[in-house]
Amino acid sequence: MKQKYRIWKKEKGNKLLIQEYAVLTAESRKQKVPGLQNEDFSLLCEQTYLADEVAKAASQGKDELILLLRSQHFYPIGTYMNLIAETVANMFASSGEHCEDLVFDDREILMGA
């Protein structure tokens, strides 16, 4: 499965937003990741966090940040979660608004690529 995580540090409202998307159609699943468009992905989950809580957890280390970010509805596999946590920590290490998309293909993990 191809997944995308949109991570957005929003200055307005002082929040962090993480949206989890996946390619659900058979037609789009056959495409390579670079060829996929935003409309090929369907929103699966959206999580919002208070920026102060995220900054505090990030200052305590990656494990604390992961504990904060994971929930019953948002629980990416370890490999993805580590990259998500690193991205969030980097966003909170600098000022201003940031938005980044992380795109993964489970086949790469399964095949060891």
N, C-alpha and C. Protein backbone atom coordinates (compact mmCIF):
# COMPACT_ATOMS: atom_id res chain seq x y z
N MET A 1 0.85 -1.17 0.00
CA MET A 1 0.00 0.00 0.00
C MET A 1 0.90 1.23 0.00
N LYS A 2 0.48 2.22 -0.72
CA LYS A 2 1.19 3.50 -0.75
C LYS A 2 0.48 4.45 0.21
N GLN A 3 1.27 5.08 1.07
CA GLN A 3 0.70 5.99 2.07
C GLN A 3 1.42 7.32 2.02
N LYS A 4 0.69 8.34 2.44
CA LYS A 4 1.26 9.68 2.53
C LYS A 4 0.86 10.27 3.87
N TYR A 5 1.81 10.89 4.52
CA TYR A 5 1.54 11.60 5.77
C TYR A 5 1.85 13.07 5.54
N ARG A 6 0.84 13.90 5.66
CA ARG A 6 1.03 15.35 5.55
C ARG A 6 1.17 15.89 6.97
N ILE A 7 2.31 16.49 7.23
CA ILE A 7 2.62 17.02 8.55
C ILE A 7 2.69 18.53 8.42
N TRP A 8 1.87 19.20 9.22
CA TRP A 8 1.73 20.64 9.07
C TRP A 8 1.80 21.31 10.43
N LYS A 9 2.87 22.08 10.63
CA LYS A 9 3.00 22.90 11.83
C LYS A 9 2.34 24.23 11.51
N LYS A 10 1.21 24.49 12.16
CA LYS A 10 0.42 25.68 11.86
C LYS A 10 0.66 26.75 12.92
N GLU A 11 1.04 27.92 12.47
CA GLU A 11 1.20 29.05 13.39
C GLU A 11 -0.17 29.52 13.88
N LYS A 12 -1.12 29.58 12.97
CA LYS A 12 -2.48 29.99 13.35
C LYS A 12 -3.09 28.88 14.19
N GLY A 13 -3.44 29.20 15.39
CA GLY A 13 -4.02 28.20 16.29
C GLY A 13 -2.97 27.45 17.08
N ASN A 14 -1.68 27.67 16.75
CA ASN A 14 -0.59 27.06 17.50
C ASN A 14 -0.77 25.54 17.61
N LYS A 15 -0.88 24.87 16.44
CA LYS A 15 -1.19 23.44 16.41
C LYS A 15 -0.29 22.69 15.43
N LEU A 16 -0.27 21.38 15.60
CA LEU A 16 0.35 20.47 14.65
C LEU A 16 -0.76 19.59 14.10
N LEU A 17 -0.81 19.46 12.79
CA LEU A 17 -1.81 18.64 12.12
C LEU A 17 -1.09 17.54 11.35
N ILE A 18 -1.51 16.29 11.56
CA ILE A 18 -0.97 15.17 10.78
C ILE A 18 -2.15 14.48 10.11
N GLN A 19 -2.07 14.38 8.79
CA GLN A 19 -3.10 13.70 8.01
C GLN A 19 -2.47 12.46 7.39
N GLU A 20 -3.18 11.34 7.49
CA GLU A 20 -2.72 10.08 6.92
C GLU A 20 -3.59 9.76 5.71
N TYR A 21 -2.94 9.55 4.56
CA TYR A 21 -3.62 9.23 3.31
C TYR A 21 -3.13 7.88 2.81
N ALA A 22 -3.93 7.22 1.98
CA ALA A 22 -3.51 5.98 1.33
C ALA A 22 -4.12 5.90 -0.06
N VAL A 23 -3.45 5.17 -0.92
CA VAL A 23 -3.97 4.88 -2.25
C VAL A 23 -4.89 3.67 -2.11
N LEU A 24 -6.16 3.84 -2.45
CA LEU A 24 -7.15 2.78 -2.25
C LEU A 24 -7.65 2.14 -3.53
N THR A 25 -7.46 2.80 -4.66
CA THR A 25 -7.97 2.25 -5.92
C THR A 25 -6.94 1.33 -6.57
N ALA A 26 -7.40 0.26 -7.17
CA ALA A 26 -6.50 -0.71 -7.81
C ALA A 26 -5.69 -0.06 -8.92
N GLU A 27 -6.32 0.83 -9.65
CA GLU A 27 -5.65 1.51 -10.75
C GLU A 27 -4.46 2.32 -10.26
N SER A 28 -4.65 3.10 -9.21
CA SER A 28 -3.59 3.95 -8.67
C SER A 28 -2.52 3.14 -7.95
N ARG A 29 -2.90 2.00 -7.36
CA ARG A 29 -1.92 1.18 -6.63
C ARG A 29 -0.83 0.67 -7.55
N LYS A 30 -1.10 0.56 -8.84
CA LYS A 30 -0.11 0.05 -9.79
C LYS A 30 0.91 1.11 -10.18
N GLN A 31 0.61 2.37 -9.91
CA GLN A 31 1.51 3.46 -10.28
C GLN A 31 2.70 3.53 -9.34
N LYS A 32 3.80 4.03 -9.84
CA LYS A 32 4.98 4.28 -9.02
C LYS A 32 4.71 5.53 -8.18
N VAL A 33 5.36 5.61 -7.02
CA VAL A 33 5.12 6.72 -6.10
C VAL A 33 5.35 8.08 -6.75
N PRO A 34 6.46 8.31 -7.50
CA PRO A 34 6.63 9.65 -8.09
C PRO A 34 5.52 10.05 -9.05
N GLY A 35 4.82 9.08 -9.65
CA GLY A 35 3.77 9.39 -10.61
C GLY A 35 2.42 9.66 -9.99
N LEU A 36 2.29 9.45 -8.69
CA LEU A 36 1.00 9.64 -8.02
C LEU A 36 0.70 11.12 -7.82
N GLN A 37 -0.56 11.46 -7.94
CA GLN A 37 -1.03 12.83 -7.71
C GLN A 37 -1.78 12.88 -6.38
N ASN A 38 -1.99 14.09 -5.87
CA ASN A 38 -2.74 14.24 -4.61
C ASN A 38 -4.10 13.57 -4.67
N GLU A 39 -4.76 13.64 -5.83
CA GLU A 39 -6.11 13.08 -5.94
C GLU A 39 -6.12 11.54 -5.94
N ASP A 40 -4.95 10.91 -6.07
CA ASP A 40 -4.87 9.45 -5.99
C ASP A 40 -4.97 8.95 -4.54
N PHE A 41 -4.77 9.84 -3.59
CA PHE A 41 -4.77 9.47 -2.17
C PHE A 41 -6.11 9.79 -1.53
N SER A 42 -6.54 8.94 -0.60
CA SER A 42 -7.77 9.16 0.17
C SER A 42 -7.38 9.40 1.63
N LEU A 43 -8.04 10.36 2.26
CA LEU A 43 -7.77 10.67 3.66
C LEU A 43 -8.29 9.56 4.55
N LEU A 44 -7.42 9.02 5.40
CA LEU A 44 -7.80 7.97 6.34
C LEU A 44 -7.98 8.50 7.76
N CYS A 45 -7.12 9.42 8.15
CA CYS A 45 -7.10 9.86 9.54
C CYS A 45 -6.52 11.27 9.61
N GLU A 46 -7.01 12.04 10.56
CA GLU A 46 -6.48 13.38 10.80
C GLU A 46 -6.35 13.58 12.30
N GLN A 47 -5.16 13.94 12.75
CA GLN A 47 -4.89 14.15 14.17
C GLN A 47 -4.39 15.58 14.36
N THR A 48 -4.87 16.23 15.41
CA THR A 48 -4.44 17.58 15.74
C THR A 48 -3.85 17.58 17.14
N TYR A 49 -2.73 18.27 17.30
CA TYR A 49 -2.03 18.33 18.58
C TYR A 49 -1.75 19.79 18.92
N LEU A 50 -1.72 20.10 20.21
CA LEU A 50 -1.33 21.44 20.65
C LEU A 50 0.18 21.57 20.49
N ALA A 51 0.61 22.67 19.89
CA ALA A 51 2.03 22.86 19.61
C ALA A 51 2.88 22.83 20.88
N ASP A 52 2.37 23.39 21.98
CA ASP A 52 3.14 23.40 23.23
C ASP A 52 3.42 21.98 23.72
N GLU A 53 2.43 21.10 23.61
CA GLU A 53 2.61 19.71 24.03
C GLU A 53 3.61 18.98 23.14
N VAL A 54 3.55 19.26 21.85
CA VAL A 54 4.47 18.63 20.90
C VAL A 54 5.90 19.11 21.16
N ALA A 55 6.07 20.42 21.36
CA ALA A 55 7.40 20.97 21.62
C ALA A 55 7.98 20.38 22.90
N LYS A 56 7.16 20.24 23.93
CA LYS A 56 7.63 19.66 25.20
C LYS A 56 8.07 18.21 25.00
N ALA A 57 7.25 17.42 24.32
CA ALA A 57 7.59 16.02 24.07
C ALA A 57 8.85 15.90 23.21
N ALA A 58 8.97 16.76 22.20
CA ALA A 58 10.14 16.73 21.32
C ALA A 58 11.41 17.05 22.10
N SER A 59 11.31 17.95 23.06
CA SER A 59 12.49 18.31 23.87
C SER A 59 12.92 17.17 24.79
N GLN A 60 12.02 16.23 25.05
CA GLN A 60 12.32 15.09 25.92
C GLN A 60 12.83 13.88 25.13
N GLY A 61 12.87 13.99 23.82
CA GLY A 61 13.41 12.92 22.99
C GLY A 61 12.38 12.29 22.07
N LYS A 62 12.89 11.52 21.11
CA LYS A 62 12.03 10.93 20.08
C LYS A 62 11.00 9.96 20.67
N ASP A 63 11.40 9.18 21.67
CA ASP A 63 10.46 8.21 22.25
C ASP A 63 9.25 8.90 22.88
N GLU A 64 9.49 10.01 23.58
CA GLU A 64 8.38 10.76 24.19
C GLU A 64 7.49 11.37 23.12
N LEU A 65 8.11 11.85 22.06
CA LEU A 65 7.34 12.44 20.96
C LEU A 65 6.45 11.38 20.30
N ILE A 66 6.99 10.20 20.09
CA ILE A 66 6.21 9.11 19.49
C ILE A 66 5.05 8.72 20.40
N LEU A 67 5.29 8.67 21.70
CA LEU A 67 4.20 8.36 22.64
C LEU A 67 3.07 9.37 22.54
N LEU A 68 3.42 10.63 22.37
CA LEU A 68 2.40 11.68 22.24
C LEU A 68 1.63 11.55 20.92
N LEU A 69 2.35 11.30 19.84
CA LEU A 69 1.73 11.32 18.51
C LEU A 69 0.85 10.10 18.24
N ARG A 70 1.25 8.95 18.75
CA ARG A 70 0.46 7.74 18.49
C ARG A 70 -0.83 7.74 19.28
N SER A 71 -1.86 7.17 18.67
CA SER A 71 -3.16 7.07 19.34
C SER A 71 -3.86 5.80 18.85
N GLN A 72 -5.05 5.59 19.34
CA GLN A 72 -5.85 4.44 18.91
C GLN A 72 -6.12 4.48 17.40
N HIS A 73 -6.26 5.69 16.86
CA HIS A 73 -6.61 5.85 15.45
C HIS A 73 -5.41 6.15 14.56
N PHE A 74 -4.30 6.51 15.16
CA PHE A 74 -3.10 6.88 14.40
C PHE A 74 -1.93 6.09 14.97
N TYR A 75 -1.54 5.02 14.27
CA TYR A 75 -0.49 4.14 14.77
C TYR A 75 0.34 3.58 13.60
N PRO A 76 1.14 4.46 12.96
CA PRO A 76 1.98 3.99 11.86
C PRO A 76 3.02 2.97 12.34
N ILE A 77 3.50 2.13 11.43
CA ILE A 77 4.54 1.17 11.79
C ILE A 77 5.80 1.91 12.23
N GLY A 78 6.68 1.22 12.94
CA GLY A 78 7.86 1.83 13.53
C GLY A 78 8.73 2.61 12.57
N THR A 79 9.00 2.05 11.41
CA THR A 79 9.84 2.71 10.42
C THR A 79 9.25 4.06 10.01
N TYR A 80 7.96 4.08 9.74
CA TYR A 80 7.29 5.32 9.35
C TYR A 80 7.22 6.29 10.53
N MET A 81 6.92 5.76 11.71
CA MET A 81 6.76 6.61 12.88
C MET A 81 8.07 7.31 13.23
N ASN A 82 9.19 6.62 13.09
CA ASN A 82 10.49 7.25 13.34
C ASN A 82 10.72 8.43 12.41
N LEU A 83 10.41 8.28 11.14
CA LEU A 83 10.57 9.37 10.18
C LEU A 83 9.58 10.51 10.44
N ILE A 84 8.37 10.17 10.83
CA ILE A 84 7.38 11.20 11.17
C ILE A 84 7.87 11.99 12.38
N ALA A 85 8.35 11.29 13.41
CA ALA A 85 8.84 11.96 14.62
C ALA A 85 10.04 12.85 14.31
N GLU A 86 10.96 12.38 13.48
CA GLU A 86 12.12 13.20 13.09
C GLU A 86 11.67 14.46 12.36
N THR A 87 10.71 14.31 11.47
CA THR A 87 10.19 15.46 10.71
C THR A 87 9.54 16.47 11.65
N VAL A 88 8.73 15.98 12.58
CA VAL A 88 8.07 16.87 13.55
C VAL A 88 9.11 17.58 14.41
N ALA A 89 10.10 16.84 14.90
CA ALA A 89 11.14 17.44 15.74
C ALA A 89 11.89 18.53 14.98
N ASN A 90 12.21 18.29 13.71
CA ASN A 90 12.89 19.30 12.89
C ASN A 90 12.01 20.54 12.70
N MET A 91 10.72 20.33 12.52
CA MET A 91 9.80 21.47 12.37
C MET A 91 9.79 22.33 13.63
N PHE A 92 9.79 21.67 14.78
CA PHE A 92 9.72 22.41 16.03
C PHE A 92 11.07 22.95 16.48
N ALA A 93 12.15 22.55 15.80
CA ALA A 93 13.47 23.10 16.08
C ALA A 93 13.66 24.45 15.39
N SER A 94 12.76 24.77 14.46
CA SER A 94 12.82 26.05 13.77
C SER A 94 11.49 26.77 13.93
N SER A 95 11.53 28.06 13.71
CA SER A 95 10.31 28.85 13.87
C SER A 95 9.55 28.93 12.55
N GLY A 96 8.32 29.36 12.64
CA GLY A 96 7.51 29.55 11.45
C GLY A 96 6.65 28.34 11.13
N GLU A 97 5.84 28.54 10.10
CA GLU A 97 4.92 27.49 9.67
C GLU A 97 5.63 26.57 8.67
N HIS A 98 5.39 25.27 8.81
CA HIS A 98 6.02 24.28 7.92
C HIS A 98 4.98 23.24 7.52
N CYS A 99 5.11 22.73 6.30
CA CYS A 99 4.27 21.64 5.83
C CYS A 99 5.15 20.71 5.00
N GLU A 100 5.05 19.42 5.30
CA GLU A 100 5.86 18.44 4.57
C GLU A 100 5.05 17.17 4.37
N ASP A 101 5.21 16.57 3.20
CA ASP A 101 4.58 15.29 2.89
C ASP A 101 5.64 14.19 2.91
N LEU A 102 5.34 13.11 3.61
CA LEU A 102 6.18 11.91 3.59
C LEU A 102 5.39 10.83 2.87
N VAL A 103 5.97 10.25 1.83
CA VAL A 103 5.27 9.24 1.03
C VAL A 103 6.04 7.92 1.15
N PHE A 104 5.30 6.85 1.43
CA PHE A 104 5.88 5.53 1.63
C PHE A 104 5.16 4.50 0.77
N ASP A 105 5.91 3.48 0.38
CA ASP A 105 5.35 2.33 -0.34
C ASP A 105 5.72 1.09 0.47
N ASP A 106 4.72 0.38 0.98
CA ASP A 106 4.97 -0.81 1.81
C ASP A 106 5.79 -1.86 1.08
N ARG A 107 5.71 -1.90 -0.24
CA ARG A 107 6.49 -2.88 -1.00
C ARG A 107 7.98 -2.69 -0.79
N GLU A 108 8.41 -1.44 -0.64
CA GLU A 108 9.83 -1.16 -0.41
C GLU A 108 10.29 -1.75 0.92
N ILE A 109 9.43 -1.69 1.93
CA ILE A 109 9.76 -2.26 3.24
C ILE A 109 9.81 -3.79 3.13
N LEU A 110 8.81 -4.36 2.48
CA LEU A 110 8.72 -5.82 2.37
C LEU A 110 9.87 -6.41 1.56
N MET A 111 10.31 -5.67 0.55
CA MET A 111 11.37 -6.17 -0.32
C MET A 111 12.75 -5.75 0.16
N GLY A 112 12.80 -4.97 1.24
CA GLY A 112 14.07 -4.55 1.79
C GLY A 112 14.79 -3.50 0.99
N ALA A 113 14.04 -2.73 0.22
CA ALA A 113 14.66 -1.69 -0.61
C ALA A 113 14.99 -0.46 0.18
